[in-house]
PDB file of all heavy atoms in Angstrom:
ATOM      1  N   LEU A   1      79.012  57.027  60.455  1.00  0.00           N
ATOM      2  CA  LEU A   1      80.188  56.166  60.608  1.00  0.00           C
ATOM      3  C   LEU A   1      79.804  54.873  61.316  1.00  0.00           C
ATOM      4  O   LEU A   1      80.209  53.774  60.898  1.00  0.00           O
ATOM      5  CB  LEU A   1      81.275  56.893  61.395  1.00  0.00           C
ATOM      6  CG  LEU A   1      82.522  56.067  61.737  1.00  0.00           C
ATOM      7  CD1 LEU A   1      83.216  55.574  60.476  1.00  0.00           C
ATOM      8  CD2 LEU A   1      83.486  56.884  62.594  1.00  0.00           C
ATOM      9  N   LEU A   2      79.017  54.965  62.371  1.00  0.00           N
ATOM     10  CA  LEU A   2      78.574  53.770  63.076  1.00  0.00           C
ATOM     11  C   LEU A   2      77.737  52.869  62.164  1.00  0.00           C
ATOM     12  O   LEU A   2      77.824  51.638  62.236  1.00  0.00           O
ATOM     13  CB  LEU A   2      77.769  54.157  64.317  1.00  0.00           C
ATOM     14  CG  LEU A   2      78.563  54.793  65.459  1.00  0.00           C
ATOM     15  CD1 LEU A   2      77.621  55.290  66.552  1.00  0.00           C
ATOM     16  CD2 LEU A   2      79.567  53.811  66.039  1.00  0.00           C
ATOM     17  N   THR A   3      76.936  53.482  61.304  1.00  0.00           N
ATOM     18  CA  THR A   3      76.128  52.713  60.351  1.00  0.00           C
ATOM     19  C   THR A   3      77.014  51.890  59.427  1.00  0.00           C
ATOM     20  O   THR A   3      76.782  50.699  59.206  1.00  0.00           O
ATOM     21  CB  THR A   3      75.235  53.659  59.530  1.00  0.00           C
ATOM     22  OG1 THR A   3      74.355  54.362  60.399  1.00  0.00           O
ATOM     23  CG2 THR A   3      74.405  52.888  58.512  1.00  0.00           C
ATOM     24  N   THR A   4      78.028  52.519  58.867  1.00  0.00           N
ATOM     25  CA  THR A   4      78.898  51.806  57.926  1.00  0.00           C
ATOM     26  C   THR A   4      79.714  50.727  58.641  1.00  0.00           C
ATOM     27  O   THR A   4      79.949  49.653  58.086  1.00  0.00           O
ATOM     28  CB  THR A   4      79.838  52.775  57.197  1.00  0.00           C
ATOM     29  OG1 THR A   4      80.651  53.481  58.145  1.00  0.00           O
ATOM     30  CG2 THR A   4      79.051  53.785  56.378  1.00  0.00           C
ATOM     31  N   ILE A   5      80.140  51.000  59.868  1.00  0.00           N
ATOM     32  CA  ILE A   5      80.891  49.998  60.636  1.00  0.00           C
ATOM     33  C   ILE A   5      80.028  48.765  60.890  1.00  0.00           C
ATOM     34  O   ILE A   5      80.465  47.620  60.690  1.00  0.00           O
ATOM     35  CB  ILE A   5      81.384  50.602  61.963  1.00  0.00           C
ATOM     36  CG1 ILE A   5      82.535  51.583  61.688  1.00  0.00           C
ATOM     37  CG2 ILE A   5      81.838  49.509  62.928  1.00  0.00           C
ATOM     38  CD1 ILE A   5      82.963  52.381  62.903  1.00  0.00           C
ATOM     39  N   LEU A   6      78.794  48.969  61.320  1.00  0.00           N
ATOM     40  CA  LEU A   6      77.915  47.837  61.598  1.00  0.00           C
ATOM     41  C   LEU A   6      77.571  47.067  60.326  1.00  0.00           C
ATOM     42  O   LEU A   6      77.488  45.838  60.333  1.00  0.00           O
ATOM     43  CB  LEU A   6      76.644  48.322  62.282  1.00  0.00           C
ATOM     44  CG  LEU A   6      76.799  48.664  63.771  1.00  0.00           C
ATOM     45  CD1 LEU A   6      75.559  49.385  64.284  1.00  0.00           C
ATOM     46  CD2 LEU A   6      77.050  47.406  64.596  1.00  0.00           C
ATOM     47  N   ASN A   7      77.386  47.779  59.225  1.00  0.00           N
ATOM     48  CA  ASN A   7      77.040  47.106  57.974  1.00  0.00           C
ATOM     49  C   ASN A   7      78.180  46.274  57.406  1.00  0.00           C
ATOM     50  O   ASN A   7      77.965  45.412  56.552  1.00  0.00           O
ATOM     51  CB  ASN A   7      76.567  48.133  56.932  1.00  0.00           C
ATOM     52  CG  ASN A   7      75.092  48.433  57.055  1.00  0.00           C
ATOM     53  OD1 ASN A   7      74.300  47.551  57.393  1.00  0.00           O
ATOM     54  ND2 ASN A   7      74.706  49.660  56.775  1.00  0.00           N
ATOM     55  N   ALA A   8      79.398  46.512  57.884  1.00  0.00           N
ATOM     56  CA  ALA A   8      80.525  45.688  57.450  1.00  0.00           C
ATOM     57  C   ALA A   8      80.464  44.289  58.049  1.00  0.00           C
ATOM     58  O   ALA A   8      81.187  43.392  57.613  1.00  0.00           O
ATOM     59  CB  ALA A   8      81.850  46.366  57.828  1.00  0.00           C
ATOM     60  N   ASN A   9      79.605  44.111  59.046  1.00  0.00           N
ATOM     61  CA  ASN A   9      79.371  42.804  59.660  1.00  0.00           C
ATOM     62  C   ASN A   9      78.179  42.154  58.961  1.00  0.00           C
ATOM     63  O   ASN A   9      77.091  42.736  58.907  1.00  0.00           O
ATOM     64  CB  ASN A   9      79.090  42.984  61.155  1.00  0.00           C
ATOM     65  CG  ASN A   9      79.022  41.676  61.911  1.00  0.00           C
ATOM     66  OD1 ASN A   9      78.445  40.701  61.438  1.00  0.00           O
ATOM     67  ND2 ASN A   9      79.593  41.652  63.103  1.00  0.00           N
ATOM     68  N   ASN A  10      78.373  40.964  58.439  1.00  0.00           N
ATOM     69  CA  ASN A  10      77.310  40.304  57.670  1.00  0.00           C
ATOM     70  C   ASN A  10      76.080  39.967  58.500  1.00  0.00           C
ATOM     71  O   ASN A  10      75.007  39.709  57.953  1.00  0.00           O
ATOM     72  CB  ASN A  10      77.846  39.029  57.012  1.00  0.00           C
ATOM     73  CG  ASN A  10      78.820  39.314  55.889  1.00  0.00           C
ATOM     74  OD1 ASN A  10      78.740  40.359  55.246  1.00  0.00           O
ATOM     75  ND2 ASN A  10      79.750  38.398  55.662  1.00  0.00           N
ATOM     76  N   GLU A  11      76.223  39.982  59.825  1.00  0.00           N
ATOM     77  CA  GLU A  11      75.094  39.652  60.689  1.00  0.00           C
ATOM     78  C   GLU A  11      74.176  40.844  60.932  1.00  0.00           C
ATOM     79  O   GLU A  11      73.124  40.694  61.546  1.00  0.00           O
ATOM     80  CB  GLU A  11      75.599  39.137  62.046  1.00  0.00           C
ATOM     81  CG  GLU A  11      76.351  37.818  61.968  1.00  0.00           C
ATOM     82  CD  GLU A  11      76.798  37.347  63.341  1.00  0.00           C
ATOM     83  OE1 GLU A  11      76.616  38.104  64.325  1.00  0.00           O
ATOM     84  OE2 GLU A  11      77.316  36.223  63.437  1.00  0.00           O
ATOM     85  N   VAL A  12      74.576  42.035  60.449  1.00  0.00           N
ATOM     86  CA  VAL A  12      73.851  43.266  60.774  1.00  0.00           C
ATOM     87  C   VAL A  12      73.325  43.926  59.510  1.00  0.00           C
ATOM     88  O   VAL A  12      74.016  44.012  58.498  1.00  0.00           O
ATOM     89  CB  VAL A  12      74.765  44.272  61.513  1.00  0.00           C
ATOM     90  CG1 VAL A  12      73.956  45.490  61.971  1.00  0.00           C
ATOM     91  CG2 VAL A  12      75.465  43.616  62.686  1.00  0.00           C
ATOM     92  N   LEU A  13      72.092  44.411  59.582  1.00  0.00           N
ATOM     93  CA  LEU A  13      71.548  45.308  58.564  1.00  0.00           C
ATOM     94  C   LEU A  13      71.239  46.624  59.264  1.00  0.00           C
ATOM     95  O   LEU A  13      70.351  46.698  60.117  1.00  0.00           O
ATOM     96  CB  LEU A  13      70.278  44.739  57.933  1.00  0.00           C
ATOM     97  CG  LEU A  13      69.613  45.639  56.880  1.00  0.00           C
ATOM     98  CD1 LEU A  13      70.534  45.817  55.679  1.00  0.00           C
ATOM     99  CD2 LEU A  13      68.269  45.066  56.437  1.00  0.00           C
ATOM    100  N   CYS A  14      72.002  47.652  58.942  1.00  0.00           N
ATOM    101  CA  CYS A  14      71.844  48.964  59.576  1.00  0.00           C
ATOM    102  C   CYS A  14      71.393  49.952  58.517  1.00  0.00           C
ATOM    103  O   CYS A  14      72.099  50.186  57.535  1.00  0.00           O
ATOM    104  CB  CYS A  14      73.159  49.405  60.209  1.00  0.00           C
ATOM    105  SG  CYS A  14      73.010  50.862  61.260  1.00  0.00           S
ATOM    106  N   LEU A  15      70.209  50.525  58.711  1.00  0.00           N
ATOM    107  CA  LEU A  15      69.582  51.346  57.675  1.00  0.00           C
ATOM    108  C   LEU A  15      69.499  52.804  58.092  1.00  0.00           C
ATOM    109  O   LEU A  15      69.223  53.117  59.251  1.00  0.00           O
ATOM    110  CB  LEU A  15      68.185  50.802  57.374  1.00  0.00           C
ATOM    111  CG  LEU A  15      68.237  49.395  56.775  1.00  0.00           C
ATOM    112  CD1 LEU A  15      66.935  48.670  56.965  1.00  0.00           C
ATOM    113  CD2 LEU A  15      68.605  49.473  55.305  1.00  0.00           C
ATOM    114  N   PRO A  16      69.742  53.709  57.152  1.00  0.00           N
ATOM    115  CA  PRO A  16      69.831  55.129  57.485  1.00  0.00           C
ATOM    116  C   PRO A  16      68.516  55.885  57.392  1.00  0.00           C
ATOM    117  O   PRO A  16      67.933  56.028  56.325  1.00  0.00           O
ATOM    118  CB  PRO A  16      70.825  55.665  56.440  1.00  0.00           C
ATOM    119  CG  PRO A  16      70.612  54.793  55.249  1.00  0.00           C
ATOM    120  CD  PRO A  16      70.175  53.452  55.760  1.00  0.00           C
ATOM    121  N   GLU A  17      68.000  56.322  58.514  1.00  0.00           N
ATOM    122  CA  GLU A  17      66.954  57.339  58.587  1.00  0.00           C
ATOM    123  C   GLU A  17      65.735  57.033  57.728  1.00  0.00           C
ATOM    124  O   GLU A  17      65.295  57.830  56.911  1.00  0.00           O
ATOM    125  CB  GLU A  17      67.556  58.706  58.237  1.00  0.00           C
ATOM    126  CG  GLU A  17      68.731  59.043  59.150  1.00  0.00           C
ATOM    127  CD  GLU A  17      69.367  60.387  58.859  1.00  0.00           C
ATOM    128  OE1 GLU A  17      68.667  61.278  58.374  1.00  0.00           O
ATOM    129  OE2 GLU A  17      70.572  60.526  59.128  1.00  0.00           O
ATOM    130  N   THR A  18      65.162  55.853  57.932  1.00  0.00           N
ATOM    131  CA  THR A  18      63.956  55.503  57.177  1.00  0.00           C
ATOM    132  C   THR A  18      62.709  56.184  57.741  1.00  0.00           C
ATOM    133  O   THR A  18      61.769  56.458  57.007  1.00  0.00           O
ATOM    134  CB  THR A  18      63.718  53.985  57.222  1.00  0.00           C
ATOM    135  OG1 THR A  18      63.501  53.582  58.577  1.00  0.00           O
ATOM    136  CG2 THR A  18      64.913  53.231  56.657  1.00  0.00           C
ATOM    137  N   LYS A  19      62.690  56.409  59.069  1.00  0.00           N
ATOM    138  CA  LYS A  19      61.593  57.095  59.766  1.00  0.00           C
ATOM    139  C   LYS A  19      60.284  56.313  59.781  1.00  0.00           C
ATOM    140  O   LYS A  19      59.256  56.807  60.244  1.00  0.00           O
ATOM    141  CB  LYS A  19      61.338  58.498  59.180  1.00  0.00           C
ATOM    142  CG  LYS A  19      62.559  59.409  59.192  1.00  0.00           C
ATOM    143  CD  LYS A  19      62.207  60.793  58.663  1.00  0.00           C
ATOM    144  CE  LYS A  19      63.437  61.677  58.531  1.00  0.00           C
ATOM    145  NZ  LYS A  19      64.042  62.015  59.817  1.00  0.00           N
ATOM    146  N   PHE A  20      60.276  55.075  59.294  1.00  0.00           N
ATOM    147  CA  PHE A  20      59.021  54.329  59.177  1.00  0.00           C
ATOM    148  C   PHE A  20      58.352  54.097  60.529  1.00  0.00           C
ATOM    149  O   PHE A  20      57.135  54.238  60.667  1.00  0.00           O
ATOM    150  CB  PHE A  20      59.263  52.960  58.522  1.00  0.00           C
ATOM    151  CG  PHE A  20      59.714  53.027  57.097  1.00  0.00           C
ATOM    152  CD1 PHE A  20      60.472  52.010  56.557  1.00  0.00           C
ATOM    153  CD2 PHE A  20      59.370  54.099  56.293  1.00  0.00           C
ATOM    154  CE1 PHE A  20      60.889  52.056  55.238  1.00  0.00           C
ATOM    155  CE2 PHE A  20      59.780  54.167  54.976  1.00  0.00           C
ATOM    156  CZ  PHE A  20      60.542  53.141  54.447  1.00  0.00           C
ATOM    157  N   ILE A  21      59.126  53.706  61.512  1.00  0.00           N
ATOM    158  CA  ILE A  21      58.543  53.209  62.764  1.00  0.00           C
ATOM    159  C   ILE A  21      57.653  54.248  63.427  1.00  0.00           C
ATOM    160  O   ILE A  21      56.542  53.950  63.881  1.00  0.00           O
ATOM    161  CB  ILE A  21      59.652  52.730  63.713  1.00  0.00           C
ATOM    162  CG1 ILE A  21      60.356  51.511  63.109  1.00  0.00           C
ATOM    163  CG2 ILE A  21      59.079  52.376  65.088  1.00  0.00           C
ATOM    164  CD1 ILE A  21      61.596  51.071  63.868  1.00  0.00           C
ATOM    165  N   LEU A  22      58.112  55.490  63.481  1.00  0.00           N
ATOM    166  CA  LEU A  22      57.304  56.523  64.130  1.00  0.00           C
ATOM    167  C   LEU A  22      56.359  57.228  63.169  1.00  0.00           C
ATOM    168  O   LEU A  22      55.364  57.807  63.591  1.00  0.00           O
ATOM    169  CB  LEU A  22      58.202  57.541  64.827  1.00  0.00           C
ATOM    170  CG  LEU A  22      58.934  57.023  66.068  1.00  0.00           C
ATOM    171  CD1 LEU A  22      59.644  58.157  66.793  1.00  0.00           C
ATOM    172  CD2 LEU A  22      57.981  56.320  67.026  1.00  0.00           C
ATOM    173  N   THR A  23      56.641  57.173  61.884  1.00  0.00           N
ATOM    174  CA  THR A  23      55.744  57.804  60.911  1.00  0.00           C
ATOM    175  C   THR A  23      54.334  57.223  60.997  1.00  0.00           C
ATOM    176  O   THR A  23      53.338  57.947  60.922  1.00  0.00           O
ATOM    177  CB  THR A  23      56.291  57.625  59.483  1.00  0.00           C
ATOM    178  OG1 THR A  23      57.544  58.299  59.378  1.00  0.00           O
ATOM    179  CG2 THR A  23      55.325  58.173  58.447  1.00  0.00           C
ATOM    180  N   PHE A  24      54.244  55.911  61.175  1.00  0.00           N
ATOM    181  CA  PHE A  24      52.944  55.231  61.172  1.00  0.00           C
ATOM    182  C   PHE A  24      52.492  54.836  62.574  1.00  0.00           C
ATOM    183  O   PHE A  24      51.456  54.184  62.726  1.00  0.00           O
ATOM    184  CB  PHE A  24      53.019  53.991  60.273  1.00  0.00           C
ATOM    185  CG  PHE A  24      53.459  54.301  58.877  1.00  0.00           C
ATOM    186  CD1 PHE A  24      54.762  54.051  58.484  1.00  0.00           C
ATOM    187  CD2 PHE A  24      52.597  54.883  57.961  1.00  0.00           C
ATOM    188  CE1 PHE A  24      55.195  54.364  57.199  1.00  0.00           C
ATOM    189  CE2 PHE A  24      53.007  55.190  56.676  1.00  0.00           C
ATOM    190  CZ  PHE A  24      54.313  54.933  56.302  1.00  0.00           C
ATOM    191  N   TYR A  25      53.254  55.226  63.580  1.00  0.00           N
ATOM    192  CA  TYR A  25      52.991  54.762  64.948  1.00  0.00           C
ATOM    193  C   TYR A  25      51.610  55.186  65.455  1.00  0.00           C
ATOM    194  O   TYR A  25      50.827  54.361  65.928  1.00  0.00           O
ATOM    195  CB  TYR A  25      54.079  55.293  65.877  1.00  0.00           C
ATOM    196  CG  TYR A  25      53.823  54.999  67.340  1.00  0.00           C
ATOM    197  CD1 TYR A  25      54.090  53.744  67.864  1.00  0.00           C
ATOM    198  CD2 TYR A  25      53.307  55.974  68.190  1.00  0.00           C
ATOM    199  CE1 TYR A  25      53.844  53.456  69.197  1.00  0.00           C
ATOM    200  CE2 TYR A  25      53.054  55.700  69.523  1.00  0.00           C
ATOM    201  CZ  TYR A  25      53.330  54.438  70.027  1.00  0.00           C
ATOM    202  OH  TYR A  25      53.086  54.164  71.341  1.00  0.00           O
ATOM    203  N   GLN A  26      51.309  56.461  65.370  1.00  0.00           N
ATOM    204  CA  GLN A  26      50.085  56.973  65.986  1.00  0.00           C
ATOM    205  C   GLN A  26      48.833  56.312  65.417  1.00  0.00           C
ATOM    206  O   GLN A  26      47.893  55.983  66.151  1.00  0.00           O
ATOM    207  CB  GLN A  26      49.996  58.494  65.817  1.00  0.00           C
ATOM    208  CG  GLN A  26      48.820  59.119  66.557  1.00  0.00           C
ATOM    209  CD  GLN A  26      48.877  60.637  66.542  1.00  0.00           C
ATOM    210  OE1 GLN A  26      49.775  61.231  65.969  1.00  0.00           O
ATOM    211  NE2 GLN A  26      47.922  61.269  67.190  1.00  0.00           N
ATOM    212  N   LYS A  27      48.826  56.084  64.123  1.00  0.00           N
ATOM    213  CA  LYS A  27      47.616  55.561  63.485  1.00  0.00           C
ATOM    214  C   LYS A  27      47.499  54.040  63.574  1.00  0.00           C
ATOM    215  O   LYS A  27      46.394  53.502  63.708  1.00  0.00           O
ATOM    216  CB  LYS A  27      47.580  55.989  62.015  1.00  0.00           C
ATOM    217  CG  LYS A  27      46.285  55.623  61.300  1.00  0.00           C
ATOM    218  CD  LYS A  27      46.220  56.252  59.914  1.00  0.00           C
ATOM    219  CE  LYS A  27      44.898  55.916  59.225  1.00  0.00           C
ATOM    220  NZ  LYS A  27      44.799  56.541  57.878  1.00  0.00           N
ATOM    221  N   PHE A  28      48.647  53.332  63.520  1.00  0.00           N
ATOM    222  CA  PHE A  28      48.564  51.881  63.334  1.00  0.00           C
ATOM    223  C   PHE A  28      49.176  51.043  64.451  1.00  0.00           C
ATOM    224  O   PHE A  28      48.895  49.843  64.536  1.00  0.00           O
ATOM    225  CB  PHE A  28      49.260  51.488  62.019  1.00  0.00           C
ATOM    226  CG  PHE A  28      48.595  52.035  60.792  1.00  0.00           C
ATOM    227  CD1 PHE A  28      49.138  53.121  60.116  1.00  0.00           C
ATOM    228  CD2 PHE A  28      47.426  51.478  60.301  1.00  0.00           C
ATOM    229  CE1 PHE A  28      48.533  53.630  58.985  1.00  0.00           C
ATOM    230  CE2 PHE A  28      46.809  51.977  59.170  1.00  0.00           C
ATOM    231  CZ  PHE A  28      47.363  53.065  58.503  1.00  0.00           C
ATOM    232  N   ALA A  29      50.012  51.617  65.308  1.00  0.00           N
ATOM    233  CA  ALA A  29      50.779  50.790  66.249  1.00  0.00           C
ATOM    234  C   ALA A  29      49.912  50.041  67.246  1.00  0.00           C
ATOM    235  O   ALA A  29      50.294  48.966  67.721  1.00  0.00           O
ATOM    236  CB  ALA A  29      51.794  51.651  66.993  1.00  0.00           C
ATOM    237  N   HIS A  30      48.735  50.576  67.570  1.00  0.00           N
ATOM    238  CA  HIS A  30      47.901  49.960  68.596  1.00  0.00           C
ATOM    239  C   HIS A  30      46.817  49.057  68.005  1.00  0.00           C
ATOM    240  O   HIS A  30      45.934  48.588  68.729  1.00  0.00           O
ATOM    241  CB  HIS A  30      47.279  51.048  69.470  1.00  0.00           C
ATOM    242  CG  HIS A  30      48.306  51.985  70.046  1.00  0.00           C
ATOM    243  ND1 HIS A  30      49.228  51.587  70.983  1.00  0.00           N
ATOM    244  CD2 HIS A  30      48.579  53.281  69.776  1.00  0.00           C
ATOM    245  CE1 HIS A  30      50.017  52.609  71.297  1.00  0.00           C
ATOM    246  NE2 HIS A  30      49.638  53.646  70.569  1.00  0.00           N
ATOM    247  N   GLN A  31      46.907  48.818  66.707  1.00  0.00           N
ATOM    248  CA  GLN A  31      45.936  47.948  66.059  1.00  0.00           C
ATOM    249  C   GLN A  31      46.446  46.515  65.992  1.00  0.00           C
ATOM    250  O   GLN A  31      47.624  46.275  65.721  1.00  0.00           O
ATOM    251  CB  GLN A  31      45.655  48.435  64.628  1.00  0.00           C
ATOM    252  CG  GLN A  31      45.063  49.814  64.533  1.00  0.00           C
ATOM    253  CD  GLN A  31      44.832  50.229  63.081  1.00  0.00           C
ATOM    254  OE1 GLN A  31      45.198  49.522  62.148  1.00  0.00           O
ATOM    255  NE2 GLN A  31      44.218  51.385  62.900  1.00  0.00           N
ATOM    256  N   HIS A  32      45.573  45.564  66.248  1.00  0.00           N
ATOM    257  CA  HIS A  32      45.915  44.160  66.030  1.00  0.00           C
ATOM    258  C   HIS A  32      44.613  43.379  65.815  1.00  0.00           C
ATOM    259  O   HIS A  32      43.838  43.220  66.749  1.00  0.00           O
ATOM    260  CB  HIS A  32      46.688  43.576  67.199  1.00  0.00           C
ATOM    261  CG  HIS A  32      47.292  42.244  66.866  1.00  0.00           C
ATOM    262  ND1 HIS A  32      48.268  42.095  65.899  1.00  0.00           N
ATOM    263  CD2 HIS A  32      47.040  41.008  67.351  1.00  0.00           C
ATOM    264  CE1 HIS A  32      48.609  40.820  65.813  1.00  0.00           C
ATOM    265  NE2 HIS A  32      47.877  40.138  66.696  1.00  0.00           N
ATOM    266  N   PRO A  33      44.342  42.954  64.603  1.00  0.00           N
ATOM    267  CA  PRO A  33      45.243  43.075  63.452  1.00  0.00           C
ATOM    268  C   PRO A  33      45.312  44.510  62.908  1.00  0.00           C
ATOM    269  O   PRO A  33      44.420  45.317  63.161  1.00  0.00           O
ATOM    270  CB  PRO A  33      44.602  42.144  62.419  1.00  0.00           C
ATOM    271  CG  PRO A  33      43.151  42.162  62.770  1.00  0.00           C
ATOM    272  CD  PRO A  33      43.095  42.249  64.271  1.00  0.00           C
ATOM    273  N   ILE A  34      46.360  44.776  62.168  1.00  0.00           N
ATOM    274  CA  ILE A  34      46.570  46.102  61.584  1.00  0.00           C
ATOM    275  C   ILE A  34      45.585  46.299  60.435  1.00  0.00           C
ATOM    276  O   ILE A  34      45.360  45.410  59.617  1.00  0.00           O
ATOM    277  CB  ILE A  34      48.015  46.243  61.092  1.00  0.00           C
ATOM    278  CG1 ILE A  34      48.975  46.121  62.291  1.00  0.00           C
ATOM    279  CG2 ILE A  34      48.234  47.577  60.384  1.00  0.00           C
ATOM    280  CD1 ILE A  34      50.429  45.976  61.912  1.00  0.00           C
ATOM    281  N   SER A  35      45.026  47.480  60.364  1.00  0.00           N
ATOM    282  CA  SER A  35      44.009  47.791  59.357  1.00  0.00           C
ATOM    283  C   SER A  35      44.555  47.618  57.941  1.00  0.00           C
ATOM    284  O   SER A  35      45.698  47.990  57.659  1.00  0.00           O
ATOM    285  CB  SER A  35      43.535  49.229  59.545  1.00  0.00           C
ATOM    286  OG  SER A  35      42.792  49.666  58.430  1.00  0.00           O
ATOM    287  N   PRO A  36      43.723  47.072  57.019  1.00  0.00           N
ATOM    288  CA  PRO A  36      44.147  46.949  55.620  1.00  0.00           C
ATOM    289  C   PRO A  36      44.511  48.291  54.990  1.00  0.00           C
ATOM    290  O   PRO A  36      45.248  48.335  53.996  1.00  0.00           O
ATOM    291  CB  PRO A  36      42.917  46.343  54.937  1.00  0.00           C
ATOM    292  CG  PRO A  36      42.206  45.616  56.021  1.00  0.00           C
ATOM    293  CD  PRO A  36      42.408  46.441  57.259  1.00  0.00           C
ATOM    294  N   SER A  37      44.017  49.404  55.561  1.00  0.00           N
ATOM    295  CA  SER A  37      44.333  50.716  54.988  1.00  0.00           C
ATOM    296  C   SER A  37      45.826  51.033  55.077  1.00  0.00           C
ATOM    297  O   SER A  37      46.316  51.925  54.377  1.00  0.00           O
ATOM    298  CB  SER A  37      43.529  51.809  55.697  1.00  0.00           C
ATOM    299  OG  SER A  37      43.929  51.950  57.051  1.00  0.00           O
ATOM    300  N   PHE A  38      46.548  50.296  55.927  1.00  0.00           N
ATOM    301  CA  PHE A  38      47.998  50.520  56.003  1.00  0.00           C
ATOM    302  C   PHE A  38      48.661  50.313  54.650  1.00  0.00           C
ATOM    303  O   PHE A  38      49.604  51.023  54.298  1.00  0.00           O
ATOM    304  CB  PHE A  38      48.646  49.579  57.036  1.00  0.00           C
ATOM    305  CG  PHE A  38      50.150  49.707  57.080  1.00  0.00           C
ATOM    306  CD1 PHE A  38      50.750  50.671  57.861  1.00  0.00           C
ATOM    307  CD2 PHE A  38      50.954  48.876  56.319  1.00  0.00           C
ATOM    308  CE1 PHE A  38      52.129  50.810  57.889  1.00  0.00           C
ATOM    309  CE2 PHE A  38      52.338  49.000  56.332  1.00  0.00           C
ATOM    310  CZ  PHE A  38      52.921  49.976  57.126  1.00  0.00           C
ATOM    311  N   ALA A  39      48.166  49.346  53.888  1.00  0.00           N
ATOM    312  CA  ALA A  39      48.790  49.018  52.607  1.00  0.00           C
ATOM    313  C   ALA A  39      48.827  50.229  51.677  1.00  0.00           C
ATOM    314  O   ALA A  39      49.876  50.581  51.123  1.00  0.00           O
ATOM    315  CB  ALA A  39      48.052  47.851  51.948  1.00  0.00           C
ATOM    316  N   ASP A  40      47.684  50.885  51.506  1.00  0.00           N
ATOM    317  CA  ASP A  40      47.626  52.056  50.630  1.00  0.00           C
ATOM    318  C   ASP A  40      48.412  53.226  51.228  1.00  0.00           C
ATOM    319  O   ASP A  40      49.110  53.953  50.503  1.00  0.00           O
ATOM    320  CB  ASP A  40      46.181  52.476  50.395  1.00  0.00           C
ATOM    321  CG  ASP A  40      45.437  51.503  49.512  1.00  0.00           C
ATOM    322  OD1 ASP A  40      46.105  50.790  48.727  1.00  0.00           O
ATOM    323  OD2 ASP A  40      44.204  51.447  49.609  1.00  0.00           O
ATOM    324  N   THR A  41      48.303  53.412  52.540  1.00  0.00           N
ATOM    325  CA  THR A  41      49.009  54.510  53.196  1.00  0.00           C
ATOM    326  C   THR A  41      50.514  54.367  53.013  1.00  0.00           C
ATOM    327  O   THR A  41      51.210  55.321  52.664  1.00  0.00           O
ATOM    328  CB  THR A  41      48.670  54.538  54.704  1.00  0.00           C
ATOM    329  OG1 THR A  41      47.265  54.688  54.860  1.00  0.00           O
ATOM    330  CG2 THR A  41      49.382  55.683  55.402  1.00  0.00           C
ATOM    331  N   PHE A  42      51.014  53.164  53.248  1.00  0.00           N
ATOM    332  CA  PHE A  42      52.459  52.932  53.151  1.00  0.00           C
ATOM    333  C   PHE A  42      52.947  53.057  51.718  1.00  0.00           C
ATOM    334  O   PHE A  42      53.998  53.664  51.459  1.00  0.00           O
ATOM    335  CB  PHE A  42      52.815  51.554  53.710  1.00  0.00           C
ATOM    336  CG  PHE A  42      54.291  51.287  53.686  1.00  0.00           C
ATOM    337  CD1 PHE A  42      55.140  51.905  54.592  1.00  0.00           C
ATOM    338  CD2 PHE A  42      54.838  50.428  52.749  1.00  0.00           C
ATOM    339  CE1 PHE A  42      56.499  51.672  54.568  1.00  0.00           C
ATOM    340  CE2 PHE A  42      56.199  50.190  52.709  1.00  0.00           C
ATOM    341  CZ  PHE A  42      57.036  50.812  53.624  1.00  0.00           C
ATOM    342  N   SER A  43      52.209  52.503  50.774  1.00  0.00           N
ATOM    343  CA  SER A  43      52.627  52.582  49.371  1.00  0.00           C
ATOM    344  C   SER A  43      52.668  54.030  48.883  1.00  0.00           C
ATOM    345  O   SER A  43      53.607  54.438  48.181  1.00  0.00           O
ATOM    346  CB  SER A  43      51.691  51.752  48.494  1.00  0.00           C
ATOM    347  OG  SER A  43      51.766  50.395  48.831  1.00  0.00           O
TER     348      SER A  43
END
């Protein structure tokens, strides 16, 4: 419900349960620059 309420505001993009941020955290979050292998892993 909170997701749909926020998405009714044009200034907000509220996305449901993508899990991306923590899925790749352990392997890639501490890299800078991020390894090119991220591309294949993510795809």
